[in-house]
Amino acid sequence: LVFGFLLTTVLMRFDYMTCPVQDLGASAWSNVSCEPKN
C-alpha cells in the first residue's frame, strides 16, 4: 500500500508514462506529450 502510493507519485510526473499511445515507435527519449491530459 505504501509502495503503491509512492510509485504512483513518481510515475505520474512523466508524460511518457501517463499519455495514451499515439505513436508506437515513440520511446522514453521522444518528446511525448498529450493535451488534454487526464
PDB file of all heavy atoms in Angstrom:
ATOM      1  N   LEU A   1       0.832  -1.209   0.000  1.00  0.00           N
ATOM      2  CA  LEU A   1       0.000   0.000   0.000  1.00  0.00           C
ATOM      3  C   LEU A   1       0.868   1.261   0.000  1.00  0.00           C
ATOM      4  O   LEU A   1       0.611   2.204  -0.756  1.00  0.00           O
ATOM      5  CB  LEU A   1      -0.911  -0.002   1.228  1.00  0.00           C
ATOM      6  CG  LEU A   1      -2.053  -1.023   1.236  1.00  0.00           C
ATOM      7  CD1 LEU A   1      -2.780  -0.996   2.566  1.00  0.00           C
ATOM      8  CD2 LEU A   1      -3.023  -0.766   0.093  1.00  0.00           C
ATOM      9  N   VAL A   2       1.899   1.261   0.829  1.00  0.00           N
ATOM     10  CA  VAL A   2       2.811   2.407   0.867  1.00  0.00           C
ATOM     11  C   VAL A   2       3.564   2.534  -0.456  1.00  0.00           C
ATOM     12  O   VAL A   2       3.700   3.629  -1.021  1.00  0.00           O
ATOM     13  CB  VAL A   2       3.798   2.271   2.041  1.00  0.00           C
ATOM     14  CG1 VAL A   2       4.804   3.423   2.029  1.00  0.00           C
ATOM     15  CG2 VAL A   2       3.057   2.217   3.366  1.00  0.00           C
ATOM     16  N   PHE A   3       4.036   1.413  -0.959  1.00  0.00           N
ATOM     17  CA  PHE A   3       4.781   1.406  -2.224  1.00  0.00           C
ATOM     18  C   PHE A   3       3.905   1.892  -3.382  1.00  0.00           C
ATOM     19  O   PHE A   3       4.370   2.626  -4.260  1.00  0.00           O
ATOM     20  CB  PHE A   3       5.303  -0.005  -2.501  1.00  0.00           C
ATOM     21  CG  PHE A   3       6.008  -0.142  -3.815  1.00  0.00           C
ATOM     22  CD1 PHE A   3       7.307   0.319  -3.974  1.00  0.00           C
ATOM     23  CD2 PHE A   3       5.383  -0.748  -4.899  1.00  0.00           C
ATOM     24  CE1 PHE A   3       7.964   0.189  -5.194  1.00  0.00           C
ATOM     25  CE2 PHE A   3       6.032  -0.884  -6.113  1.00  0.00           C
ATOM     26  CZ  PHE A   3       7.329  -0.414  -6.259  1.00  0.00           C
ATOM     27  N   GLY A   4       2.634   1.484  -3.386  1.00  0.00           N
ATOM     28  CA  GLY A   4       1.729   1.909  -4.455  1.00  0.00           C
ATOM     29  C   GLY A   4       1.549   3.409  -4.491  1.00  0.00           C
ATOM     30  O   GLY A   4       1.554   4.023  -5.566  1.00  0.00           O
ATOM     31  N   PHE A   5       1.406   4.032  -3.319  1.00  0.00           N
ATOM     32  CA  PHE A   5       1.256   5.494  -3.249  1.00  0.00           C
ATOM     33  C   PHE A   5       2.526   6.187  -3.737  1.00  0.00           C
ATOM     34  O   PHE A   5       2.465   7.129  -4.529  1.00  0.00           O
ATOM     35  CB  PHE A   5       0.945   5.913  -1.816  1.00  0.00           C
ATOM     36  CG  PHE A   5       0.691   7.377  -1.657  1.00  0.00           C
ATOM     37  CD1 PHE A   5      -0.575   7.898  -1.869  1.00  0.00           C
ATOM     38  CD2 PHE A   5       1.714   8.251  -1.307  1.00  0.00           C
ATOM     39  CE1 PHE A   5      -0.815   9.265  -1.731  1.00  0.00           C
ATOM     40  CE2 PHE A   5       1.483   9.610  -1.168  1.00  0.00           C
ATOM     41  CZ  PHE A   5       0.209  10.121  -1.387  1.00  0.00           C
ATOM     42  N   LEU A   6       3.689   5.705  -3.289  1.00  0.00           N
ATOM     43  CA  LEU A   6       4.951   6.350  -3.652  1.00  0.00           C
ATOM     44  C   LEU A   6       5.273   6.159  -5.134  1.00  0.00           C
ATOM     45  O   LEU A   6       5.706   7.101  -5.811  1.00  0.00           O
ATOM     46  CB  LEU A   6       6.091   5.785  -2.791  1.00  0.00           C
ATOM     47  CG  LEU A   6       5.986   6.060  -1.279  1.00  0.00           C
ATOM     48  CD1 LEU A   6       7.140   5.387  -0.555  1.00  0.00           C
ATOM     49  CD2 LEU A   6       5.962   7.549  -1.001  1.00  0.00           C
ATOM     50  N   LEU A   7       5.068   4.950  -5.656  1.00  0.00           N
ATOM     51  CA  LEU A   7       5.377   4.694  -7.063  1.00  0.00           C
ATOM     52  C   LEU A   7       4.479   5.508  -7.980  1.00  0.00           C
ATOM     53  O   LEU A   7       4.936   6.056  -8.989  1.00  0.00           O
ATOM     54  CB  LEU A   7       5.233   3.201  -7.372  1.00  0.00           C
ATOM     55  CG  LEU A   7       5.543   2.786  -8.809  1.00  0.00           C
ATOM     56  CD1 LEU A   7       6.992   3.106  -9.163  1.00  0.00           C
ATOM     57  CD2 LEU A   7       5.254   1.305  -9.038  1.00  0.00           C
ATOM     58  N   THR A   8       3.206   5.608  -7.632  1.00  0.00           N
ATOM     59  CA  THR A   8       2.292   6.425  -8.433  1.00  0.00           C
ATOM     60  C   THR A   8       2.724   7.885  -8.438  1.00  0.00           C
ATOM     61  O   THR A   8       2.653   8.561  -9.467  1.00  0.00           O
ATOM     62  CB  THR A   8       0.863   6.316  -7.877  1.00  0.00           C
ATOM     63  OG1 THR A   8       0.479   4.946  -7.783  1.00  0.00           O
ATOM     64  CG2 THR A   8      -0.117   7.039  -8.785  1.00  0.00           C
ATOM     65  N   THR A   9       3.200   8.369  -7.300  1.00  0.00           N
ATOM     66  CA  THR A   9       3.678   9.755  -7.195  1.00  0.00           C
ATOM     67  C   THR A   9       4.836  10.011  -8.147  1.00  0.00           C
ATOM     68  O   THR A   9       4.944  11.103  -8.732  1.00  0.00           O
ATOM     69  CB  THR A   9       4.122  10.045  -5.748  1.00  0.00           C
ATOM     70  OG1 THR A   9       3.035   9.783  -4.859  1.00  0.00           O
ATOM     71  CG2 THR A   9       4.555  11.494  -5.602  1.00  0.00           C
ATOM     72  N   VAL A  10       5.689   9.014  -8.342  1.00  0.00           N
ATOM     73  CA  VAL A  10       6.833   9.159  -9.241  1.00  0.00           C
ATOM     74  C   VAL A  10       6.393   9.043 -10.703  1.00  0.00           C
ATOM     75  O   VAL A  10       6.732   9.890 -11.544  1.00  0.00           O
ATOM     76  CB  VAL A  10       7.914   8.107  -8.918  1.00  0.00           C
ATOM     77  CG1 VAL A  10       9.036   8.167  -9.952  1.00  0.00           C
ATOM     78  CG2 VAL A  10       8.466   8.321  -7.516  1.00  0.00           C
ATOM     79  N   LEU A  11       5.631   8.020 -11.030  1.00  0.00           N
ATOM     80  CA  LEU A  11       5.265   7.759 -12.427  1.00  0.00           C
ATOM     81  C   LEU A  11       4.391   8.857 -13.015  1.00  0.00           C
ATOM     82  O   LEU A  11       4.473   9.147 -14.223  1.00  0.00           O
ATOM     83  CB  LEU A  11       4.545   6.409 -12.526  1.00  0.00           C
ATOM     84  CG  LEU A  11       5.365   5.162 -12.180  1.00  0.00           C
ATOM     85  CD1 LEU A  11       4.507   3.915 -12.300  1.00  0.00           C
ATOM     86  CD2 LEU A  11       6.592   5.038 -13.081  1.00  0.00           C
ATOM     87  N   MET A  12       3.531   9.473 -12.213  1.00  0.00           N
ATOM     88  CA  MET A  12       2.599  10.483 -12.733  1.00  0.00           C
ATOM     89  C   MET A  12       3.305  11.746 -13.224  1.00  0.00           C
ATOM     90  O   MET A  12       2.682  12.577 -13.897  1.00  0.00           O
ATOM     91  CB  MET A  12       1.593  10.865 -11.638  1.00  0.00           C
ATOM     92  CG  MET A  12       2.221  11.484 -10.420  1.00  0.00           C
ATOM     93  SD  MET A  12       1.028  11.939  -9.136  1.00  0.00           S
ATOM     94  CE  MET A  12       0.398  13.468  -9.813  1.00  0.00           C
ATOM     95  N   ARG A  13       4.580  11.884 -12.941  1.00  0.00           N
ATOM     96  CA  ARG A  13       5.332  13.076 -13.343  1.00  0.00           C
ATOM     97  C   ARG A  13       5.860  12.992 -14.781  1.00  0.00           C
ATOM     98  O   ARG A  13       6.356  13.983 -15.310  1.00  0.00           O
ATOM     99  CB  ARG A  13       6.508  13.296 -12.381  1.00  0.00           C
ATOM    100  CG  ARG A  13       6.083  13.472 -10.939  1.00  0.00           C
ATOM    101  CD  ARG A  13       7.267  13.585 -10.011  1.00  0.00           C
ATOM    102  NE  ARG A  13       6.857  13.670  -8.609  1.00  0.00           N
ATOM    103  CZ  ARG A  13       6.487  14.777  -7.989  1.00  0.00           C
ATOM    104  NH1 ARG A  13       6.501  15.916  -8.647  1.00  0.00           N
ATOM    105  NH2 ARG A  13       6.118  14.761  -6.714  1.00  0.00           N
ATOM    106  N   PHE A  14       5.755  11.826 -15.412  1.00  0.00           N
ATOM    107  CA  PHE A  14       6.354  11.632 -16.735  1.00  0.00           C
ATOM    108  C   PHE A  14       5.260  11.415 -17.784  1.00  0.00           C
ATOM    109  O   PHE A  14       4.452  10.480 -17.666  1.00  0.00           O
ATOM    110  CB  PHE A  14       7.303  10.431 -16.724  1.00  0.00           C
ATOM    111  CG  PHE A  14       8.436  10.569 -15.734  1.00  0.00           C
ATOM    112  CD1 PHE A  14       8.351   9.987 -14.476  1.00  0.00           C
ATOM    113  CD2 PHE A  14       9.575  11.290 -16.069  1.00  0.00           C
ATOM    114  CE1 PHE A  14       9.384  10.116 -13.564  1.00  0.00           C
ATOM    115  CE2 PHE A  14      10.620  11.423 -15.163  1.00  0.00           C
ATOM    116  CZ  PHE A  14      10.523  10.834 -13.904  1.00  0.00           C
ATOM    117  N   ASP A  15       5.239  12.258 -18.805  1.00  0.00           N
ATOM    118  CA  ASP A  15       4.263  12.113 -19.884  1.00  0.00           C
ATOM    119  C   ASP A  15       4.432  10.792 -20.627  1.00  0.00           C
ATOM    120  O   ASP A  15       3.453  10.231 -21.132  1.00  0.00           O
ATOM    121  CB  ASP A  15       4.394  13.276 -20.871  1.00  0.00           C
ATOM    122  CG  ASP A  15       3.804  14.565 -20.328  1.00  0.00           C
ATOM    123  OD1 ASP A  15       3.130  14.494 -19.280  1.00  0.00           O
ATOM    124  OD2 ASP A  15       4.015  15.622 -20.931  1.00  0.00           O
ATOM    125  N   TYR A  16       5.644  10.311 -20.699  1.00  0.00           N
ATOM    126  CA  TYR A  16       5.890   9.035 -21.382  1.00  0.00           C
ATOM    127  C   TYR A  16       5.124   7.898 -20.704  1.00  0.00           C
ATOM    128  O   TYR A  16       4.745   6.922 -21.350  1.00  0.00           O
ATOM    129  CB  TYR A  16       7.389   8.725 -21.384  1.00  0.00           C
ATOM    130  CG  TYR A  16       7.759   7.420 -22.048  1.00  0.00           C
ATOM    131  CD1 TYR A  16       7.527   7.208 -23.402  1.00  0.00           C
ATOM    132  CD2 TYR A  16       8.353   6.392 -21.318  1.00  0.00           C
ATOM    133  CE1 TYR A  16       7.866   6.013 -24.009  1.00  0.00           C
ATOM    134  CE2 TYR A  16       8.698   5.204 -21.921  1.00  0.00           C
ATOM    135  CZ  TYR A  16       8.462   5.008 -23.266  1.00  0.00           C
ATOM    136  OH  TYR A  16       8.802   3.815 -23.859  1.00  0.00           O
ATOM    137  N   MET A  17       4.886   8.037 -19.405  1.00  0.00           N
ATOM    138  CA  MET A  17       4.168   7.016 -18.656  1.00  0.00           C
ATOM    139  C   MET A  17       2.658   7.243 -18.679  1.00  0.00           C
ATOM    140  O   MET A  17       1.880   6.291 -18.704  1.00  0.00           O
ATOM    141  CB  MET A  17       4.653   6.992 -17.202  1.00  0.00           C
ATOM    142  CG  MET A  17       6.011   6.363 -17.019  1.00  0.00           C
ATOM    143  SD  MET A  17       5.901   4.568 -17.225  1.00  0.00           S
ATOM    144  CE  MET A  17       7.649   4.133 -17.327  1.00  0.00           C
ATOM    145  N   THR A  18       2.235   8.477 -18.673  1.00  0.00           N
ATOM    146  CA  THR A  18       0.819   8.773 -18.478  1.00  0.00           C
ATOM    147  C   THR A  18       0.026   8.972 -19.764  1.00  0.00           C
ATOM    148  O   THR A  18      -1.197   8.805 -19.761  1.00  0.00           O
ATOM    149  CB  THR A  18       0.672  10.032 -17.609  1.00  0.00           C
ATOM    150  OG1 THR A  18       1.326  11.136 -18.265  1.00  0.00           O
ATOM    151  CG2 THR A  18       1.302   9.826 -16.240  1.00  0.00           C
ATOM    152  N   CYS A  19       0.683   9.327 -20.858  1.00  0.00           N
ATOM    153  CA  CYS A  19      -0.040   9.624 -22.102  1.00  0.00           C
ATOM    154  C   CYS A  19      -0.456   8.350 -22.829  1.00  0.00           C
ATOM    155  O   CYS A  19       0.326   7.404 -22.933  1.00  0.00           O
ATOM    156  CB  CYS A  19       0.833  10.465 -23.036  1.00  0.00           C
ATOM    157  SG  CYS A  19       1.090  12.152 -22.464  1.00  0.00           S
ATOM    158  N   PRO A  20      -1.684   8.314 -23.360  1.00  0.00           N
ATOM    159  CA  PRO A  20      -2.067   7.201 -24.231  1.00  0.00           C
ATOM    160  C   PRO A  20      -1.176   7.156 -25.459  1.00  0.00           C
ATOM    161  O   PRO A  20      -0.663   8.181 -25.914  1.00  0.00           O
ATOM    162  CB  PRO A  20      -3.517   7.544 -24.614  1.00  0.00           C
ATOM    163  CG  PRO A  20      -3.988   8.476 -23.543  1.00  0.00           C
ATOM    164  CD  PRO A  20      -2.781   9.261 -23.130  1.00  0.00           C
ATOM    165  N   VAL A  21      -0.999   5.961 -25.997  1.00  0.00           N
ATOM    166  CA  VAL A  21      -0.080   5.774 -27.119  1.00  0.00           C
ATOM    167  C   VAL A  21      -0.667   6.382 -28.386  1.00  0.00           C
ATOM    168  O   VAL A  21      -1.786   6.056 -28.787  1.00  0.00           O
ATOM    169  CB  VAL A  21       0.216   4.279 -27.336  1.00  0.00           C
ATOM    170  CG1 VAL A  21       1.091   4.082 -28.572  1.00  0.00           C
ATOM    171  CG2 VAL A  21       0.891   3.690 -26.103  1.00  0.00           C
ATOM    172  N   GLN A  22       0.087   7.278 -29.002  1.00  0.00           N
ATOM    173  CA  GLN A  22      -0.263   7.842 -30.301  1.00  0.00           C
ATOM    174  C   GLN A  22       0.686   7.348 -31.386  1.00  0.00           C
ATOM    175  O   GLN A  22       0.298   7.169 -32.532  1.00  0.00           O
ATOM    176  CB  GLN A  22      -0.211   9.382 -30.231  1.00  0.00           C
ATOM    177  CG  GLN A  22      -1.178   9.980 -29.224  1.00  0.00           C
ATOM    178  CD  GLN A  22      -2.617   9.742 -29.577  1.00  0.00           C
ATOM    179  OE1 GLN A  22      -2.966   9.688 -30.761  1.00  0.00           O
ATOM    180  NE2 GLN A  22      -3.471   9.608 -28.565  1.00  0.00           N
ATOM    181  N   ASP A  23       1.939   7.144 -31.014  1.00  0.00           N
ATOM    182  CA  ASP A  23       2.967   6.677 -31.939  1.00  0.00           C
ATOM    183  C   ASP A  23       3.646   5.456 -31.319  1.00  0.00           C
ATOM    184  O   ASP A  23       4.338   5.574 -30.312  1.00  0.00           O
ATOM    185  CB  ASP A  23       3.985   7.781 -32.205  1.00  0.00           C
ATOM    186  CG  ASP A  23       5.101   7.336 -33.155  1.00  0.00           C
ATOM    187  OD1 ASP A  23       4.964   6.252 -33.769  1.00  0.00           O
ATOM    188  OD2 ASP A  23       6.106   8.063 -33.266  1.00  0.00           O
ATOM    189  N   LEU A  24       3.437   4.290 -31.919  1.00  0.00           N
ATOM    190  CA  LEU A  24       4.011   3.059 -31.362  1.00  0.00           C
ATOM    191  C   LEU A  24       5.531   3.086 -31.363  1.00  0.00           C
ATOM    192  O   LEU A  24       6.166   2.389 -30.570  1.00  0.00           O
ATOM    193  CB  LEU A  24       3.516   1.842 -32.152  1.00  0.00           C
ATOM    194  CG  LEU A  24       2.074   1.400 -31.887  1.00  0.00           C
ATOM    195  CD1 LEU A  24       1.676   0.297 -32.861  1.00  0.00           C
ATOM    196  CD2 LEU A  24       1.904   0.928 -30.456  1.00  0.00           C
ATOM    197  N   GLY A  25       6.128   3.871 -32.231  1.00  0.00           N
ATOM    198  CA  GLY A  25       7.579   3.927 -32.321  1.00  0.00           C
ATOM    199  C   GLY A  25       8.224   4.867 -31.323  1.00  0.00           C
ATOM    200  O   GLY A  25       9.450   4.931 -31.235  1.00  0.00           O
ATOM    201  N   ALA A  26       7.419   5.598 -30.558  1.00  0.00           N
ATOM    202  CA  ALA A  26       7.969   6.545 -29.583  1.00  0.00           C
ATOM    203  C   ALA A  26       8.674   5.813 -28.452  1.00  0.00           C
ATOM    204  O   ALA A  26       8.303   4.694 -28.088  1.00  0.00           O
ATOM    205  CB  ALA A  26       6.866   7.432 -29.029  1.00  0.00           C
ATOM    206  N   SER A  27       9.702   6.446 -27.892  1.00  0.00           N
ATOM    207  CA  SER A  27      10.471   5.860 -26.790  1.00  0.00           C
ATOM    208  C   SER A  27      10.568   6.874 -25.658  1.00  0.00           C
ATOM    209  O   SER A  27      10.001   7.975 -25.724  1.00  0.00           O
ATOM    210  CB  SER A  27      11.868   5.462 -27.264  1.00  0.00           C
ATOM    211  OG  SER A  27      12.647   6.610 -27.577  1.00  0.00           O
ATOM    212  N   ALA A  28      11.326   6.516 -24.622  1.00  0.00           N
ATOM    213  CA  ALA A  28      11.485   7.410 -23.474  1.00  0.00           C
ATOM    214  C   ALA A  28      12.222   8.688 -23.864  1.00  0.00           C
ATOM    215  O   ALA A  28      12.124   9.699 -23.151  1.00  0.00           O
ATOM    216  CB  ALA A  28      12.227   6.690 -22.355  1.00  0.00           C
ATOM    217  N   TRP A  29      12.938   8.660 -24.966  1.00  0.00           N
ATOM    218  CA  TRP A  29      13.703   9.824 -25.404  1.00  0.00           C
ATOM    219  C   TRP A  29      12.934  10.662 -26.419  1.00  0.00           C
ATOM    220  O   TRP A  29      13.425  11.673 -26.893  1.00  0.00           O
ATOM    221  CB  TRP A  29      15.035   9.382 -25.993  1.00  0.00           C
ATOM    222  CG  TRP A  29      15.890   8.714 -24.960  1.00  0.00           C
ATOM    223  CD1 TRP A  29      16.735   9.312 -24.066  1.00  0.00           C
ATOM    224  CD2 TRP A  29      15.965   7.311 -24.697  1.00  0.00           C
ATOM    225  NE1 TRP A  29      17.324   8.362 -23.268  1.00  0.00           N
ATOM    226  CE2 TRP A  29      16.877   7.124 -23.628  1.00  0.00           C
ATOM    227  CE3 TRP A  29      15.353   6.182 -25.243  1.00  0.00           C
ATOM    228  CZ2 TRP A  29      17.189   5.879 -23.111  1.00  0.00           C
ATOM    229  CZ3 TRP A  29      15.650   4.927 -24.734  1.00  0.00           C
ATOM    230  CH2 TRP A  29      16.565   4.788 -23.671  1.00  0.00           C
ATOM    231  N   SER A  30      11.740  10.234 -26.760  1.00  0.00           N
ATOM    232  CA  SER A  30      10.901  11.014 -27.671  1.00  0.00           C
ATOM    233  C   SER A  30      10.193  12.117 -26.890  1.00  0.00           C
ATOM    234  O   SER A  30      10.034  12.034 -25.672  1.00  0.00           O
ATOM    235  CB  SER A  30       9.867  10.106 -28.341  1.00  0.00           C
ATOM    236  OG  SER A  30      10.500   9.038 -29.038  1.00  0.00           O
ATOM    237  N   ASN A  31       9.761  13.119 -27.610  1.00  0.00           N
ATOM    238  CA  ASN A  31       9.066  14.236 -26.971  1.00  0.00           C
ATOM    239  C   ASN A  31       7.575  13.909 -26.862  1.00  0.00           C
ATOM    240  O   ASN A  31       6.732  14.452 -27.569  1.00  0.00           O
ATOM    241  CB  ASN A  31       9.280  15.515 -27.779  1.00  0.00           C
ATOM    242  CG  ASN A  31       8.715  16.729 -27.063  1.00  0.00           C
ATOM    243  OD1 ASN A  31       8.555  16.724 -25.846  1.00  0.00           O
ATOM    244  ND2 ASN A  31       8.399  17.753 -27.830  1.00  0.00           N
ATOM    245  N   VAL A  32       7.262  12.998 -25.944  1.00  0.00           N
ATOM    246  CA  VAL A  32       5.886  12.539 -25.777  1.00  0.00           C
ATOM    247  C   VAL A  32       5.114  13.536 -24.913  1.00  0.00           C
ATOM    248  O   VAL A  32       5.572  13.939 -23.849  1.00  0.00           O
ATOM    249  CB  VAL A  32       5.850  11.142 -25.119  1.00  0.00           C
ATOM    250  CG1 VAL A  32       4.412  10.713 -24.861  1.00  0.00           C
ATOM    251  CG2 VAL A  32       6.557  10.130 -26.007  1.00  0.00           C
ATOM    252  N   SER A  33       3.952  13.938 -25.383  1.00  0.00           N
ATOM    253  CA  SER A  33       3.078  14.816 -24.617  1.00  0.00           C
ATOM    254  C   SER A  33       1.640  14.564 -25.047  1.00  0.00           C
ATOM    255  O   SER A  33       1.396  14.023 -26.129  1.00  0.00           O
ATOM    256  CB  SER A  33       3.435  16.290 -24.835  1.00  0.00           C
ATOM    257  OG  SER A  33       3.270  16.642 -26.202  1.00  0.00           O
ATOM    258  N   CYS A  34       0.705  14.956 -24.202  1.00  0.00           N
ATOM    259  CA  CYS A  34      -0.706  14.754 -24.530  1.00  0.00           C
ATOM    260  C   CYS A  34      -1.533  15.887 -23.939  1.00  0.00           C
ATOM    261  O   CYS A  34      -1.380  16.233 -22.774  1.00  0.00           O
ATOM    262  CB  CYS A  34      -1.202  13.401 -24.015  1.00  0.00           C
ATOM    263  SG  CYS A  34      -0.821  13.074 -22.274  1.00  0.00           S
ATOM    264  N   GLU A  35      -2.399  16.449 -24.753  1.00  0.00           N
ATOM    265  CA  GLU A  35      -3.308  17.505 -24.318  1.00  0.00           C
ATOM    266  C   GLU A  35      -4.686  17.216 -24.909  1.00  0.00           C
ATOM    267  O   GLU A  35      -4.818  16.988 -26.119  1.00  0.00           O
ATOM    268  CB  GLU A  35      -2.807  18.869 -24.779  1.00  0.00           C
ATOM    269  CG  GLU A  35      -1.545  19.339 -24.085  1.00  0.00           C
ATOM    270  CD  GLU A  35      -1.715  19.583 -22.602  1.00  0.00           C
ATOM    271  OE1 GLU A  35      -2.892  19.757 -22.173  1.00  0.00           O
ATOM    272  OE2 GLU A  35      -0.714  19.587 -21.883  1.00  0.00           O
ATOM    273  N   PRO A  36      -5.766  17.249 -24.128  1.00  0.00           N
ATOM    274  CA  PRO A  36      -5.719  17.476 -22.675  1.00  0.00           C
ATOM    275  C   PRO A  36      -5.288  16.218 -21.946  1.00  0.00           C
ATOM    276  O   PRO A  36      -5.571  15.101 -22.389  1.00  0.00           O
ATOM    277  CB  PRO A  36      -7.171  17.834 -22.351  1.00  0.00           C
ATOM    278  CG  PRO A  36      -7.964  17.070 -23.363  1.00  0.00           C
ATOM    279  CD  PRO A  36      -7.142  17.068 -24.628  1.00  0.00           C
ATOM    280  N   LYS A  37      -4.646  16.403 -20.837  1.00  0.00           N
ATOM    281  CA  LYS A  37      -4.195  15.284 -20.019  1.00  0.00           C
ATOM    282  C   LYS A  37      -5.314  14.875 -19.070  1.00  0.00           C
ATOM    283  O   LYS A  37      -6.092  15.701 -18.605  1.00  0.00           O
ATOM    284  CB  LYS A  37      -2.945  15.694 -19.234  1.00  0.00           C
ATOM    285  CG  LYS A  37      -2.142  14.542 -18.677  1.00  0.00           C
ATOM    286  CD  LYS A  37      -0.840  15.049 -18.073  1.00  0.00           C
ATOM    287  CE  LYS A  37       0.002  13.896 -17.576  1.00  0.00           C
ATOM    288  NZ  LYS A  37       1.295  14.359 -17.002  1.00  0.00           N
ATOM    289  N   ASN A  38      -5.372  13.582 -18.778  1.00  0.00           N
ATOM    290  CA  ASN A  38      -6.393  13.078 -17.874  1.00  0.00           C
ATOM    291  C   ASN A  38      -6.302  13.816 -16.527  1.00  0.00           C
ATOM    292  O   ASN A  38      -5.231  13.889 -15.922  1.00  0.00           O
ATOM    293  CB  ASN A  38      -6.198  11.574 -17.660  1.00  0.00           C
ATOM    294  CG  ASN A  38      -7.423  10.928 -17.029  1.00  0.00           C
ATOM    295  OD1 ASN A  38      -7.977  11.420 -16.061  1.00  0.00           O
ATOM    296  ND2 ASN A  38      -7.835   9.804 -17.581  1.00  0.00           N
TER     297      ASN A  38
END
